[in-house]
PDB file of N, CA and C in Angstrom:
ATOM      1  N   MET A   1     -27.217  22.863  -8.919  1.00  0.00           N
ATOM      2  CA  MET A   1     -28.545  22.275  -8.942  1.00  0.00           C
ATOM      3  C   MET A   1     -29.603  23.314  -9.337  1.00  0.00           C
ATOM      4  N   LYS A   2     -29.421  24.549  -8.837  1.00  0.00           N
ATOM      5  CA  LYS A   2     -30.389  25.598  -9.169  1.00  0.00           C
ATOM      6  C   LYS A   2     -30.385  25.888 -10.668  1.00  0.00           C
ATOM      7  N   ASN A   3     -29.195  25.832 -11.287  1.00  0.00           N
ATOM      8  CA  ASN A   3     -29.121  26.064 -12.732  1.00  0.00           C
ATOM      9  C   ASN A   3     -29.865  24.983 -13.497  1.00  0.00           C
ATOM     10  N   LEU A   4     -29.767  23.740 -13.031  1.00  0.00           N
ATOM     11  CA  LEU A   4     -30.468  22.639 -13.687  1.00  0.00           C
ATOM     12  C   LEU A   4     -31.975  22.851 -13.610  1.00  0.00           C
ATOM     13  N   ILE A   5     -32.459  23.286 -12.463  1.00  0.00           N
ATOM     14  CA  ILE A   5     -33.885  23.549 -12.297  1.00  0.00           C
ATOM     15  C   ILE A   5     -34.303  24.719 -13.189  1.00  0.00           C
ATOM     16  N   LYS A   6     -33.464  25.760 -13.245  1.00  0.00           N
ATOM     17  CA  LYS A   6     -33.777  26.916 -14.084  1.00  0.00           C
ATOM     18  C   LYS A   6     -33.821  26.518 -15.558  1.00  0.00           C
ATOM     19  N   ASN A   7     -32.881  25.677 -16.010  1.00  0.00           N
ATOM     20  CA  ASN A   7     -32.873  25.221 -17.398  1.00  0.00           C
ATOM     21  C   ASN A   7     -34.097  24.375 -17.698  1.00  0.00           C
ATOM     22  N   ASN A   8     -34.512  23.551 -16.756  1.00  0.00           N
ATOM     23  CA  ASN A   8     -35.718  22.755 -16.930  1.00  0.00           C
ATOM     24  C   ASN A   8     -36.922  23.681 -17.087  1.00  0.00           C
ATOM     25  N   LYS A   9     -36.927  24.780 -16.350  1.00  0.00           N
ATOM     26  CA  LYS A   9     -38.016  25.735 -16.460  1.00  0.00           C
ATOM     27  C   LYS A   9     -38.038  26.367 -17.854  1.00  0.00           C
ATOM     28  N   ILE A  10     -36.845  26.642 -18.396  1.00  0.00           N
ATOM     29  CA  ILE A  10     -36.773  27.200 -19.751  1.00  0.00           C
ATOM     30  C   ILE A  10     -37.359  26.207 -20.743  1.00  0.00           C
ATOM     31  N   LEU A  11     -36.994  24.937 -20.605  1.00  0.00           N
ATOM     32  CA  LEU A  11     -37.509  23.921 -21.524  1.00  0.00           C
ATOM     33  C   LEU A  11     -39.014  23.750 -21.382  1.00  0.00           C
ATOM     34  N   ARG A  12     -39.504  23.816 -20.156  1.00  0.00           N
ATOM     35  CA  ARG A  12     -40.930  23.615 -19.935  1.00  0.00           C
ATOM     36  C   ARG A  12     -41.767  24.812 -20.353  1.00  0.00           C
ATOM     37  N   GLU A  13     -41.207  26.025 -20.237  1.00  0.00           N
ATOM     38  CA  GLU A  13     -42.017  27.210 -20.485  1.00  0.00           C
ATOM     39  C   GLU A  13     -41.730  27.891 -21.814  1.00  0.00           C
ATOM     40  N   LYS A  14     -40.468  28.124 -22.120  1.00  0.00           N
ATOM     41  CA  LYS A  14     -40.137  28.937 -23.295  1.00  0.00           C
ATOM     42  C   LYS A  14     -40.364  28.202 -24.610  1.00  0.00           C
ATOM     43  N   ILE A  15     -39.929  26.964 -24.695  1.00  0.00           N
ATOM     44  CA  ILE A  15     -40.053  26.240 -25.965  1.00  0.00           C
ATOM     45  C   ILE A  15     -41.528  26.053 -26.356  1.00  0.00           C
ATOM     46  N   PRO A  16     -42.398  25.582 -25.446  1.00  0.00           N
ATOM     47  CA  PRO A  16     -43.821  25.504 -25.831  1.00  0.00           C
ATOM     48  C   PRO A  16     -44.436  26.882 -26.110  1.00  0.00           C
ATOM     49  N   LEU A  17     -43.974  27.904 -25.373  1.00  0.00           N
ATOM     50  CA  LEU A  17     -44.483  29.260 -25.602  1.00  0.00           C
ATOM     51  C   LEU A  17     -44.164  29.705 -27.022  1.00  0.00           C
ATOM     52  N   TYR A  18     -42.931  29.488 -27.465  1.00  0.00           N
ATOM     53  CA  TYR A  18     -42.556  29.881 -28.818  1.00  0.00           C
ATOM     54  C   TYR A  18     -43.296  29.043 -29.863  1.00  0.00           C
ATOM     55  N   TYR A  19     -43.558  27.794 -29.534  1.00  0.00           N
ATOM     56  CA  TYR A  19     -44.347  26.949 -30.445  1.00  0.00           C
ATOM     57  C   TYR A  19     -45.749  27.530 -30.623  1.00  0.00           C
ATOM     58  N   TYR A  20     -46.389  27.905 -29.518  1.00  0.00           N
ATOM     59  CA  TYR A  20     -47.734  28.472 -29.609  1.00  0.00           C
ATOM     60  C   TYR A  20     -47.721  29.840 -30.293  1.00  0.00           C
ATOM     61  N   LEU A  21     -46.651  30.607 -30.110  1.00  0.00           N
ATOM     62  CA  LEU A  21     -46.539  31.877 -30.822  1.00  0.00           C
ATOM     63  C   LEU A  21     -46.430  31.646 -32.335  1.00  0.00           C
ATOM     64  N   LEU A  22     -45.662  30.615 -32.718  1.00  0.00           N
ATOM     65  CA  LEU A  22     -45.555  30.288 -34.141  1.00  0.00           C
ATOM     66  C   LEU A  22     -46.894  29.827 -34.712  1.00  0.00           C
ATOM     67  N   LYS A  23     -47.623  29.080 -33.933  1.00  0.00           N
ATOM     68  CA  LYS A  23     -48.885  28.499 -34.378  1.00  0.00           C
ATOM     69  C   LYS A  23     -50.006  29.538 -34.482  1.00  0.00           C
ATOM     70  N   ASN A  24     -49.911  30.586 -33.682  1.00  0.00           N
ATOM     71  CA  ASN A  24     -50.947  31.615 -33.653  1.00  0.00           C
ATOM     72  C   ASN A  24     -50.860  32.469 -34.924  1.00  0.00           C
ATOM     73  N   GLU A  25     -51.970  32.585 -35.628  1.00  0.00           N
ATOM     74  CA  GLU A  25     -51.998  33.347 -36.881  1.00  0.00           C
ATOM     75  C   GLU A  25     -51.859  34.849 -36.652  1.00  0.00           C
ATOM     76  N   SER A  26     -52.156  35.314 -35.448  1.00  0.00           N
ATOM     77  CA  SER A  26     -52.090  36.746 -35.148  1.00  0.00           C
ATOM     78  C   SER A  26     -50.679  37.212 -34.789  1.00  0.00           C
ATOM     79  N   THR A  27     -49.768  36.291 -34.566  1.00  0.00           N
ATOM     80  CA  THR A  27     -48.395  36.663 -34.227  1.00  0.00           C
ATOM     81  C   THR A  27     -47.761  37.372 -35.422  1.00  0.00           C
ATOM     82  N   PRO A  28     -47.102  38.509 -35.182  1.00  0.00           N
ATOM     83  CA  PRO A  28     -46.468  39.223 -36.301  1.00  0.00           C
ATOM     84  C   PRO A  28     -45.449  38.353 -37.039  1.00  0.00           C
ATOM     85  N   LYS A  29     -45.349  38.578 -38.331  1.00  0.00           N
ATOM     86  CA  LYS A  29     -44.443  37.779 -39.158  1.00  0.00           C
ATOM     87  C   LYS A  29     -42.986  37.962 -38.745  1.00  0.00           C
ATOM     88  N   LEU A  30     -42.643  39.148 -38.286  1.00  0.00           N
ATOM     89  CA  LEU A  30     -41.279  39.385 -37.831  1.00  0.00           C
ATOM     90  C   LEU A  30     -40.952  38.505 -36.623  1.00  0.00           C
ATOM     91  N   ALA A  31     -41.900  38.375 -35.707  1.00  0.00           N
ATOM     92  CA  ALA A  31     -41.686  37.528 -34.528  1.00  0.00           C
ATOM     93  C   ALA A  31     -41.539  36.073 -34.940  1.00  0.00           C
ATOM     94  N   LYS A  32     -42.381  35.623 -35.862  1.00  0.00           N
ATOM     95  CA  LYS A  32     -42.274  34.241 -36.345  1.00  0.00           C
ATOM     96  C   LYS A  32     -40.928  34.012 -37.028  1.00  0.00           C
ATOM     97  N   SER A  33     -40.489  34.991 -37.800  1.00  0.00           N
ATOM     98  CA  SER A  33     -39.197  34.877 -38.478  1.00  0.00           C
ATOM     99  C   SER A  33     -38.055  34.791 -37.470  1.00  0.00           C
ATOM    100  N   LEU A  34     -38.139  35.577 -36.400  1.00  0.00           N
ATOM    101  CA  LEU A  34     -37.102  35.531 -35.364  1.00  0.00           C
ATOM    102  C   LEU A  34     -37.063  34.169 -34.673  1.00  0.00           C
ATOM    103  N   ILE A  35     -38.221  33.616 -34.373  1.00  0.00           N
ATOM    104  CA  ILE A  35     -38.268  32.305 -33.714  1.00  0.00           C
ATOM    105  C   ILE A  35     -37.673  31.241 -34.627  1.00  0.00           C
ATOM    106  N   ILE A  36     -38.067  31.239 -35.879  1.00  0.00           N
ATOM    107  CA  ILE A  36     -37.535  30.253 -36.833  1.00  0.00           C
ATOM    108  C   ILE A  36     -36.035  30.456 -37.018  1.00  0.00           C
ATOM    109  N   GLY A  37     -35.605  31.715 -37.108  1.00  0.00           N
ATOM    110  CA  GLY A  37     -34.181  32.008 -37.243  1.00  0.00           C
ATOM    111  C   GLY A  37     -33.383  31.521 -36.046  1.00  0.00           C
ATOM    112  N   LEU A  38     -33.926  31.702 -34.838  1.00  0.00           N
ATOM    113  CA  LEU A  38     -33.241  31.232 -33.633  1.00  0.00           C
ATOM    114  C   LEU A  38     -33.121  29.717 -33.633  1.00  0.00           C
ATOM    115  N   ILE A  39     -34.197  29.036 -34.001  1.00  0.00           N
ATOM    116  CA  ILE A  39     -34.167  27.571 -34.046  1.00  0.00           C
ATOM    117  C   ILE A  39     -33.126  27.086 -35.047  1.00  0.00           C
ATOM    118  N   ILE A  40     -33.124  27.688 -36.227  1.00  0.00           N
ATOM    119  CA  ILE A  40     -32.153  27.292 -37.256  1.00  0.00           C
ATOM    120  C   ILE A  40     -30.733  27.563 -36.772  1.00  0.00           C
ATOM    121  N   TYR A  41     -30.521  28.714 -36.146  1.00  0.00           N
ATOM    122  CA  TYR A  41     -29.173  29.051 -35.669  1.00  0.00           C
ATOM    123  C   TYR A  41     -28.702  28.077 -34.588  1.00  0.00           C
ATOM    124  N   LEU A  42     -29.608  27.725 -33.664  1.00  0.00           N
ATOM    125  CA  LEU A  42     -29.203  26.848 -32.559  1.00  0.00           C
ATOM    126  C   LEU A  42     -28.882  25.432 -33.028  1.00  0.00           C
ATOM    127  N   ILE A  43     -29.564  24.940 -34.057  1.00  0.00           N
ATOM    128  CA  ILE A  43     -29.286  23.571 -34.509  1.00  0.00           C
ATOM    129  C   ILE A  43     -28.299  23.525 -35.671  1.00  0.00           C
ATOM    130  N   SER A  44     -27.978  24.688 -36.223  1.00  0.00           N
ATOM    131  CA  SER A  44     -27.059  24.751 -37.349  1.00  0.00           C
ATOM    132  C   SER A  44     -25.612  24.571 -36.880  1.00  0.00           C
ATOM    133  N   PRO A  45     -24.799  23.884 -37.685  1.00  0.00           N
ATOM    134  CA  PRO A  45     -23.385  23.764 -37.317  1.00  0.00           C
ATOM    135  C   PRO A  45     -22.612  25.064 -37.539  1.00  0.00           C
ATOM    136  N   LEU A  46     -23.190  26.014 -38.269  1.00  0.00           N
ATOM    137  CA  LEU A  46     -22.524  27.293 -38.504  1.00  0.00           C
ATOM    138  C   LEU A  46     -22.837  28.247 -37.355  1.00  0.00           C
ATOM    139  N   ASP A  47     -21.802  28.856 -36.801  1.00  0.00           N
ATOM    140  CA  ASP A  47     -21.950  29.774 -35.677  1.00  0.00           C
ATOM    141  C   ASP A  47     -21.132  31.028 -35.917  1.00  0.00           C
ATOM    142  N   ILE A  48     -21.445  32.067 -35.164  1.00  0.00           N
ATOM    143  CA  ILE A  48     -20.621  33.274 -35.189  1.00  0.00           C
ATOM    144  C   ILE A  48     -19.240  32.928 -34.637  1.00  0.00           C
ATOM    145  N   ILE A  49     -19.233  32.244 -33.498  1.00  0.00           N
ATOM    146  CA  ILE A  49     -17.993  31.745 -32.898  1.00  0.00           C
ATOM    147  C   ILE A  49     -18.084  30.221 -32.947  1.00  0.00           C
ATOM    148  N   PRO A  50     -17.139  29.532 -33.595  1.00  0.00           N
ATOM    149  CA  PRO A  50     -17.229  28.064 -33.716  1.00  0.00           C
ATOM    150  C   PRO A  50     -17.293  27.371 -32.354  1.00  0.00           C
ATOM    151  N   ASP A  51     -18.080  26.293 -32.277  1.00  0.00           N
ATOM    152  CA  ASP A  51     -18.235  25.550 -31.027  1.00  0.00           C
ATOM    153  C   ASP A  51     -16.957  24.833 -30.613  1.00  0.00           C
ATOM    154  N   THR A  52     -15.991  24.729 -31.508  1.00  0.00           N
ATOM    155  CA  THR A  52     -14.737  24.053 -31.158  1.00  0.00           C
ATOM    156  C   THR A  52     -13.880  24.886 -30.217  1.00  0.00           C
ATOM    157  N   ILE A  53     -14.138  26.185 -30.127  1.00  0.00           N
ATOM    158  CA  ILE A  53     -13.411  27.033 -29.182  1.00  0.00           C
ATOM    159  C   ILE A  53     -14.065  26.861 -27.816  1.00  0.00           C
ATOM    160  N   PRO A  54     -13.305  26.361 -26.828  1.00  0.00           N
ATOM    161  CA  PRO A  54     -13.893  26.121 -25.509  1.00  0.00           C
ATOM    162  C   PRO A  54     -14.511  27.389 -24.914  1.00  0.00           C
ATOM    163  N   VAL A  55     -15.594  27.242 -24.257  1.00  0.00           N
ATOM    164  CA  VAL A  55     -16.367  28.271 -23.557  1.00  0.00           C
ATOM    165  C   VAL A  55     -16.963  29.302 -24.525  1.00  0.00           C
ATOM    166  N   LEU A  56     -16.139  29.965 -25.322  1.00  0.00           N
ATOM    167  CA  LEU A  56     -16.648  30.996 -26.225  1.00  0.00           C
ATOM    168  C   LEU A  56     -17.557  30.429 -27.304  1.00  0.00           C
ATOM    169  N   GLY A  57     -17.297  29.195 -27.705  1.00  0.00           N
ATOM    170  CA  GLY A  57     -18.094  28.579 -28.755  1.00  0.00           C
ATOM    171  C   GLY A  57     -19.548  28.416 -28.367  1.00  0.00           C
ATOM    172  N   LEU A  58     -19.794  28.102 -27.106  1.00  0.00           N
ATOM    173  CA  LEU A  58     -21.181  27.956 -26.637  1.00  0.00           C
ATOM    174  C   LEU A  58     -21.749  29.263 -26.116  1.00  0.00           C
ATOM    175  N   ALA A  59     -20.863  30.222 -25.815  1.00  0.00           N
ATOM    176  CA  ALA A  59     -21.329  31.486 -25.240  1.00  0.00           C
ATOM    177  C   ALA A  59     -22.244  32.241 -26.190  1.00  0.00           C
ATOM    178  N   ASP A  60     -21.936  32.206 -27.491  1.00  0.00           N
ATOM    179  CA  ASP A  60     -22.813  32.926 -28.426  1.00  0.00           C
ATOM    180  C   ASP A  60     -24.186  32.278 -28.508  1.00  0.00           C
ATOM    181  N   ASP A  61     -24.233  30.931 -28.440  1.00  0.00           N
ATOM    182  CA  ASP A  61     -25.527  30.247 -28.444  1.00  0.00           C
ATOM    183  C   ASP A  61     -26.326  30.592 -27.188  1.00  0.00           C
ATOM    184  N   ILE A  62     -25.643  30.597 -26.057  1.00  0.00           N
ATOM    185  CA  ILE A  62     -26.306  30.867 -24.785  1.00  0.00           C
ATOM    186  C   ILE A  62     -26.766  32.320 -24.711  1.00  0.00           C
ATOM    187  N   ALA A  63     -25.993  33.229 -25.274  1.00  0.00           N
ATOM    188  CA  ALA A  63     -26.343  34.650 -25.216  1.00  0.00           C
ATOM    189  C   ALA A  63     -27.494  34.997 -26.157  1.00  0.00           C
ATOM    190  N   LEU A  64     -27.607  34.294 -27.266  1.00  0.00           N
ATOM    191  CA  LEU A  64     -28.651  34.633 -28.236  1.00  0.00           C
ATOM    192  C   LEU A  64     -30.052  34.316 -27.739  1.00  0.00           C
ATOM    193  N   PHE A  65     -30.202  33.257 -26.960  1.00  0.00           N
ATOM    194  CA  PHE A  65     -31.538  32.854 -26.513  1.00  0.00           C
ATOM    195  C   PHE A  65     -32.207  33.952 -25.681  1.00  0.00           C
ATOM    196  N   PRO A  66     -31.552  34.509 -24.641  1.00  0.00           N
ATOM    197  CA  PRO A  66     -32.202  35.592 -23.892  1.00  0.00           C
ATOM    198  C   PRO A  66     -32.388  36.869 -24.716  1.00  0.00           C
ATOM    199  N   LEU A  67     -31.446  37.125 -25.625  1.00  0.00           N
ATOM    200  CA  LEU A  67     -31.570  38.302 -26.482  1.00  0.00           C
ATOM    201  C   LEU A  67     -32.814  38.200 -27.366  1.00  0.00           C
ATOM    202  N   PHE A  68     -33.003  37.050 -27.991  1.00  0.00           N
ATOM    203  CA  PHE A  68     -34.186  36.845 -28.829  1.00  0.00           C
ATOM    204  C   PHE A  68     -35.462  36.885 -27.982  1.00  0.00           C
ATOM    205  N   ALA A  69     -35.396  36.319 -26.788  1.00  0.00           N
ATOM    206  CA  ALA A  69     -36.566  36.338 -25.906  1.00  0.00           C
ATOM    207  C   ALA A  69     -36.955  37.774 -25.567  1.00  0.00           C
ATOM    208  N   TYR A  70     -35.971  38.605 -25.295  1.00  0.00           N
ATOM    209  CA  TYR A  70     -36.252  40.019 -24.986  1.00  0.00           C
ATOM    210  C   TYR A  70     -36.866  40.725 -26.191  1.00  0.00           C
ATOM    211  N   ILE A  71     -36.283  40.499 -27.357  1.00  0.00           N
ATOM    212  CA  ILE A  71     -36.806  41.136 -28.575  1.00  0.00           C
ATOM    213  C   ILE A  71     -38.238  40.686 -28.850  1.00  0.00           C
ATOM    214  N   LEU A  72     -38.506  39.400 -28.649  1.00  0.00           N
ATOM    215  CA  LEU A  72     -39.860  38.888 -28.884  1.00  0.00           C
ATOM    216  C   LEU A  72     -40.879  39.519 -27.949  1.00  0.00           C
ATOM    217  N   THR A  73     -40.493  39.759 -26.687  1.00  0.00           N
ATOM    218  CA  THR A  73     -41.432  40.389 -25.757  1.00  0.00           C
ATOM    219  C   THR A  73     -41.789  41.797 -26.202  1.00  0.00           C
ATOM    220  N   LYS A  74     -40.897  42.435 -26.937  1.00  0.00           N
ATOM    221  CA  LYS A  74     -41.171  43.797 -27.420  1.00  0.00           C
ATOM    222  C   LYS A  74     -41.980  43.796 -28.718  1.00  0.00           C
ATOM    223  N   ILE A  75     -41.841  42.739 -29.534  1.00  0.00           N
ATOM    224  CA  ILE A  75     -42.501  42.700 -30.842  1.00  0.00           C
ATOM    225  C   ILE A  75     -43.923  42.149 -30.753  1.00  0.00           C
ATOM    226  N   VAL A  76     -44.102  41.092 -29.974  1.00  0.00           N
ATOM    227  CA  VAL A  76     -45.400  40.405 -29.910  1.00  0.00           C
ATOM    228  C   VAL A  76     -46.364  41.202 -29.025  1.00  0.00           C
ATOM    229  N   PRO A  77     -47.570  41.484 -29.514  1.00  0.00           N
ATOM    230  CA  PRO A  77     -48.568  42.182 -28.694  1.00  0.00           C
ATOM    231  C   PRO A  77     -48.889  41.405 -27.408  1.00  0.00           C
ATOM    232  N   GLU A  78     -49.215  42.142 -26.382  1.00  0.00           N
ATOM    233  CA  GLU A  78     -49.436  41.562 -25.052  1.00  0.00           C
ATOM    234  C   GLU A  78     -50.540  40.496 -25.048  1.00  0.00           C
ATOM    235  N   ASP A  79     -51.645  40.734 -25.777  1.00  0.00           N
ATOM    236  CA  ASP A  79     -52.747  39.766 -25.756  1.00  0.00           C
ATOM    237  C   ASP A  79     -52.346  38.433 -26.397  1.00  0.00           C
ATOM    238  N   ILE A  80     -51.587  38.489 -27.485  1.00  0.00           N
ATOM    239  CA  ILE A  80     -51.127  37.253 -28.139  1.00  0.00           C
ATOM    240  C   ILE A  80     -50.140  36.531 -27.229  1.00  0.00           C
ATOM    241  N   TRP A  81     -49.248  37.303 -26.605  1.00  0.00           N
ATOM    242  CA  TRP A  81     -48.263  36.724 -25.690  1.00  0.00           C
ATOM    243  C   TRP A  81     -48.974  36.019 -24.539  1.00  0.00           C
ATOM    244  N   GLN A  82     -49.986  36.682 -23.979  1.00  0.00           N
ATOM    245  CA  GLN A  82     -50.696  36.123 -22.826  1.00  0.00           C
ATOM    246  C   GLN A  82     -51.484  34.866 -23.208  1.00  0.00           C
ATOM    247  N   LYS A  83     -52.114  34.857 -24.383  1.00  0.00           N
ATOM    248  CA  LYS A  83     -52.839  33.659 -24.823  1.00  0.00           C
ATOM    249  C   LYS A  83     -51.892  32.472 -24.971  1.00  0.00           C
ATOM    250  N   SER A  84     -50.727  32.709 -25.561  1.00  0.00           N
ATOM    251  CA  SER A  84     -49.750  31.633 -25.744  1.00  0.00           C
ATOM    252  C   SER A  84     -49.206  31.178 -24.396  1.00  0.00           C
ATOM    253  N   LYS A  85     -48.987  32.122 -23.483  1.00  0.00           N
ATOM    254  CA  LYS A  85     -48.491  31.766 -22.151  1.00  0.00           C
ATOM    255  C   LYS A  85     -49.524  30.945 -21.382  1.00  0.00           C
ATOM    256  N   ASP A  86     -50.801  31.306 -21.522  1.00  0.00           N
ATOM    257  CA  ASP A  86     -51.863  30.533 -20.864  1.00  0.00           C
ATOM    258  C   ASP A  86     -51.908  29.099 -21.393  1.00  0.00           C
ATOM    259  N   LYS A  87     -51.755  28.936 -22.706  1.00  0.00           N
ATOM    260  CA  LYS A  87     -51.735  27.593 -23.284  1.00  0.00           C
ATOM    261  C   LYS A  87     -50.546  26.794 -22.755  1.00  0.00           C
ATOM    262  N   THR A  88     -49.397  27.456 -22.625  1.00  0.00           N
ATOM    263  CA  THR A  88     -48.206  26.792 -22.099  1.00  0.00           C
ATOM    264  C   THR A  88     -48.429  26.360 -20.656  1.00  0.00           C
ATOM    265  N   ASP A  89     -49.034  27.241 -19.851  1.00  0.00           N
ATOM    266  CA  ASP A  89     -49.303  26.898 -18.450  1.00  0.00           C
ATOM    267  C   ASP A  89     -50.254  25.709 -18.341  1.00  0.00           C
ATOM    268  N   ARG A  90     -51.269  25.676 -19.197  1.00  0.00           N
ATOM    269  CA  ARG A  90     -52.216  24.547 -19.167  1.00  0.00           C
ATOM    270  C   ARG A  90     -51.560  23.252 -19.640  1.00  0.00           C
ATOM    271  N   LEU A  91     -50.587  23.372 -20.542  1.00  0.00           N
ATOM    272  CA  LEU A  91     -49.903  22.183 -21.053  1.00  0.00           C
ATOM    273  C   LEU A  91     -49.232  21.415 -19.924  1.00  0.00           C
ATOM    274  N   TRP A  92     -48.531  22.110 -19.039  1.00  0.00           N
ATOM    275  CA  TRP A  92     -47.794  21.436 -17.968  1.00  0.00           C
ATOM    276  C   TRP A  92     -48.604  21.304 -16.697  1.00  0.00           C
ATOM    277  N   PHE A  93     -49.779  21.927 -16.651  1.00  0.00           N
ATOM    278  CA  PHE A  93     -50.619  21.770 -15.470  1.00  0.00           C
ATOM    279  C   PHE A  93     -51.079  20.326 -15.351  1.00  0.00           C
ATOM    280  N   ASN A  94     -51.292  19.690 -16.485  1.00  0.00           N
ATOM    281  CA  ASN A  94     -51.684  18.291 -16.505  1.00  0.00           C
ATOM    282  C   ASN A  94     -50.449  17.447 -16.155  1.00  0.00           C
ATOM    283  N   SER A  95     -50.410  16.926 -14.957  1.00  0.00           N
ATOM    284  CA  SER A  95     -49.224  16.198 -14.510  1.00  0.00           C
ATOM    285  C   SER A  95     -49.014  14.907 -15.305  1.00  0.00           C
ATOM    286  N   LYS A  96     -50.058  14.397 -15.934  1.00  0.00           N
ATOM    287  CA  LYS A  96     -49.928  13.185 -16.744  1.00  0.00           C
ATOM    288  C   LYS A  96     -48.994  13.448 -17.934  1.00  0.00           C
ATOM    289  N   THR A  97     -49.147  14.597 -18.578  1.00  0.00           N
ATOM    290  CA  THR A  97     -48.284  14.962 -19.705  1.00  0.00           C
ATOM    291  C   THR A  97     -46.840  15.053 -19.248  1.00  0.00           C
ATOM    292  N   TYR A  98     -46.616  15.699 -18.121  1.00  0.00           N
ATOM    293  CA  TYR A  98     -45.266  15.863 -17.595  1.00  0.00           C
ATOM    294  C   TYR A  98     -44.664  14.513 -17.227  1.00  0.00           C
ATOM    295  N   MET A  99     -45.456  13.629 -16.657  1.00  0.00           N
ATOM    296  CA  MET A  99     -44.974  12.302 -16.269  1.00  0.00           C
ATOM    297  C   MET A  99     -44.611  11.483 -17.511  1.00  0.00           C
ATOM    298  N   ILE A 100     -45.389  11.575 -18.555  1.00  0.00           N
ATOM    299  CA  ILE A 100     -45.089  10.851 -19.800  1.00  0.00           C
ATOM    300  C   ILE A 100     -43.763  11.344 -20.374  1.00  0.00           C
ATOM    301  N   CYS A 101     -43.548  12.650 -20.349  1.00  0.00           N
ATOM    302  CA  CYS A 101     -42.281  13.205 -20.847  1.00  0.00           C
ATOM    303  C   CYS A 101     -41.103  12.691 -20.025  1.00  0.00           C
ATOM    304  N   LYS A 102     -41.261  12.612 -18.719  1.00  0.00           N
ATOM    305  CA  LYS A 102     -40.187  12.090 -17.861  1.00  0.00           C
ATOM    306  C   LYS A 102     -39.900  10.626 -18.185  1.00  0.00           C
ATOM    307  N   ILE A 103     -40.938   9.837 -18.384  1.00  0.00           N
ATOM    308  CA  ILE A 103     -40.749   8.419 -18.695  1.00  0.00           C
ATOM    309  C   ILE A 103     -40.024   8.258 -20.028  1.00  0.00           C
ATOM    310  N   ILE A 104     -40.434   9.011 -21.038  1.00  0.00           N
ATOM    311  CA  ILE A 104     -39.759   8.937 -22.343  1.00  0.00           C
ATOM    312  C   ILE A 104     -38.295   9.335 -22.199  1.00  0.00           C
ATOM    313  N   PHE A 105     -38.023  10.383 -21.453  1.00  0.00           N
ATOM    314  CA  PHE A 105     -36.649  10.827 -21.232  1.00  0.00           C
ATOM    315  C   PHE A 105     -35.828   9.738 -20.531  1.00  0.00           C
ATOM    316  N   LEU A 106     -36.383   9.113 -19.517  1.00  0.00           N
ATOM    317  CA  LEU A 106     -35.657   8.060 -18.802  1.00  0.00           C
ATOM    318  C   LEU A 106     -35.407   6.841 -19.683  1.00  0.00           C
ATOM    319  N   VAL A 107     -36.372   6.497 -20.529  1.00  0.00           N
ATOM    320  CA  VAL A 107     -36.186   5.374 -21.447  1.00  0.00           C
ATOM    321  C   VAL A 107     -35.066   5.690 -22.441  1.00  0.00           C
ATOM    322  N   LEU A 108     -35.038   6.908 -22.950  1.00  0.00           N
ATOM    323  CA  LEU A 108     -33.960   7.295 -23.872  1.00  0.00           C
ATOM    324  C   LEU A 108     -32.598   7.243 -23.181  1.00  0.00           C
ATOM    325  N   ILE A 109     -32.517   7.714 -21.946  1.00  0.00           N
ATOM    326  CA  ILE A 109     -31.258   7.649 -21.187  1.00  0.00           C
ATOM    327  C   ILE A 109     -30.847   6.202 -20.981  1.00  0.00           C
ATOM    328  N   ALA A 110     -31.791   5.326 -20.660  1.00  0.00           N
ATOM    329  CA  ALA A 110     -31.479   3.915 -20.456  1.00  0.00           C
ATOM    330  C   ALA A 110     -30.959   3.277 -21.746  1.00  0.00           C
ATOM    331  N   ILE A 111     -31.571   3.603 -22.868  1.00  0.00           N
ATOM    332  CA  ILE A 111     -31.109   3.060 -24.153  1.00  0.00           C
ATOM    333  C   ILE A 111     -29.695   3.536 -24.464  1.00  0.00           C
ATOM    334  N   LEU A 112     -29.437   4.833 -24.253  1.00  0.00           N
ATOM    335  CA  LEU A 112     -28.101   5.364 -24.497  1.00  0.00           C
ATOM    336  C   LEU A 112     -27.070   4.735 -23.566  1.00  0.00           C
ATOM    337  N   ALA A 113     -27.430   4.529 -22.303  1.00  0.00           N
ATOM    338  CA  ALA A 113     -26.520   3.888 -21.356  1.00  0.00           C
ATOM    339  C   ALA A 113     -26.238   2.453 -21.780  1.00  0.00           C
ATOM    340  N   PHE A 114     -27.260   1.744 -22.229  1.00  0.00           N
ATOM    341  CA  PHE A 114     -27.081   0.369 -22.691  1.00  0.00           C
ATOM    342  C   PHE A 114     -26.133   0.312 -23.883  1.00  0.00           C
ATOM    343  N   ILE A 115     -26.321   1.205 -24.842  1.00  0.00           N
ATOM    344  CA  ILE A 115     -25.458   1.229 -26.019  1.00  0.00           C
ATOM    345  C   ILE A 115     -24.025   1.563 -25.613  1.00  0.00           C
ATOM    346  N   PHE A 116     -23.862   2.521 -24.707  1.00  0.00           N
ATOM    347  CA  PHE A 116     -22.528   2.923 -24.262  1.00  0.00           C
ATOM    348  C   PHE A 116     -21.820   1.765 -23.539  1.00  0.00           C
ATOM    349  N   ILE A 117     -22.526   1.120 -22.629  1.00  0.00           N
ATOM    350  CA  ILE A 117     -21.917   0.014 -21.871  1.00  0.00           C
ATOM    351  C   ILE A 117     -21.605  -1.146 -22.799  1.00  0.00           C
ATOM    352  N   ARG A 118     -22.477  -1.424 -23.730  1.00  0.00           N
ATOM    353  CA  ARG A 118     -22.244  -2.515 -24.678  1.00  0.00           C
ATOM    354  C   ARG A 118     -21.022  -2.247 -25.546  1.00  0.00           C
ATOM    355  N   SER A 119     -20.830  -0.977 -25.951  1.00  0.00           N
ATOM    356  CA  SER A 119     -19.658  -0.642 -26.758  1.00  0.00           C
ATOM    357  C   SER A 119     -18.374  -0.746 -25.954  1.00  0.00           C
ATOM    358  N   LEU A 120     -18.456  -0.497 -24.648  1.00  0.00           N
ATOM    359  CA  LEU A 120     -17.280  -0.641 -23.797  1.00  0.00           C
ATOM    360  C   LEU A 120     -16.882  -2.099 -23.602  1.00  0.00           C
ATOM    361  N   LEU A 121     -17.859  -2.993 -23.582  1.00  0.00           N
ATOM    362  CA  LEU A 121     -17.593  -4.408 -23.335  1.00  0.00           C
ATOM    363  C   LEU A 121     -17.080  -5.136 -24.566  1.00  0.00           C
ATOM    364  N   LYS A 122     -17.171  -4.552 -25.731  1.00  0.00           N
ATOM    365  CA  LYS A 122     -16.701  -5.214 -26.955  1.00  0.00           C
ATOM    366  C   LYS A 122     -15.202  -5.180 -27.051  1.00  0.00           C
TER     367      LYS A 122
END
């Protein structure tokens, strides 16, 4: 359960933070390139270790995210990092935004469950 909460924290904090870093014109180009490269790598079917190999296939994806995060903290100047972090904190401070995201997520889960159950009944 703690891992699920920690992963939710990553989704709530890191992804919007990287979005704001990309959007900020003062962010170094190398940092922007790393963020875009990480996104492309994570959604790309090409991997260093293929995902078809159990455990190891996902290990490279899981290991790259913290590695890139560490590198970004060293490349991005502190003031730019702090401005983006403040924007991220304000984004989720509004509980209405968070509630809307939860509702959309639950609706998507319900649709997927409906499709799955319907396919089983055929």
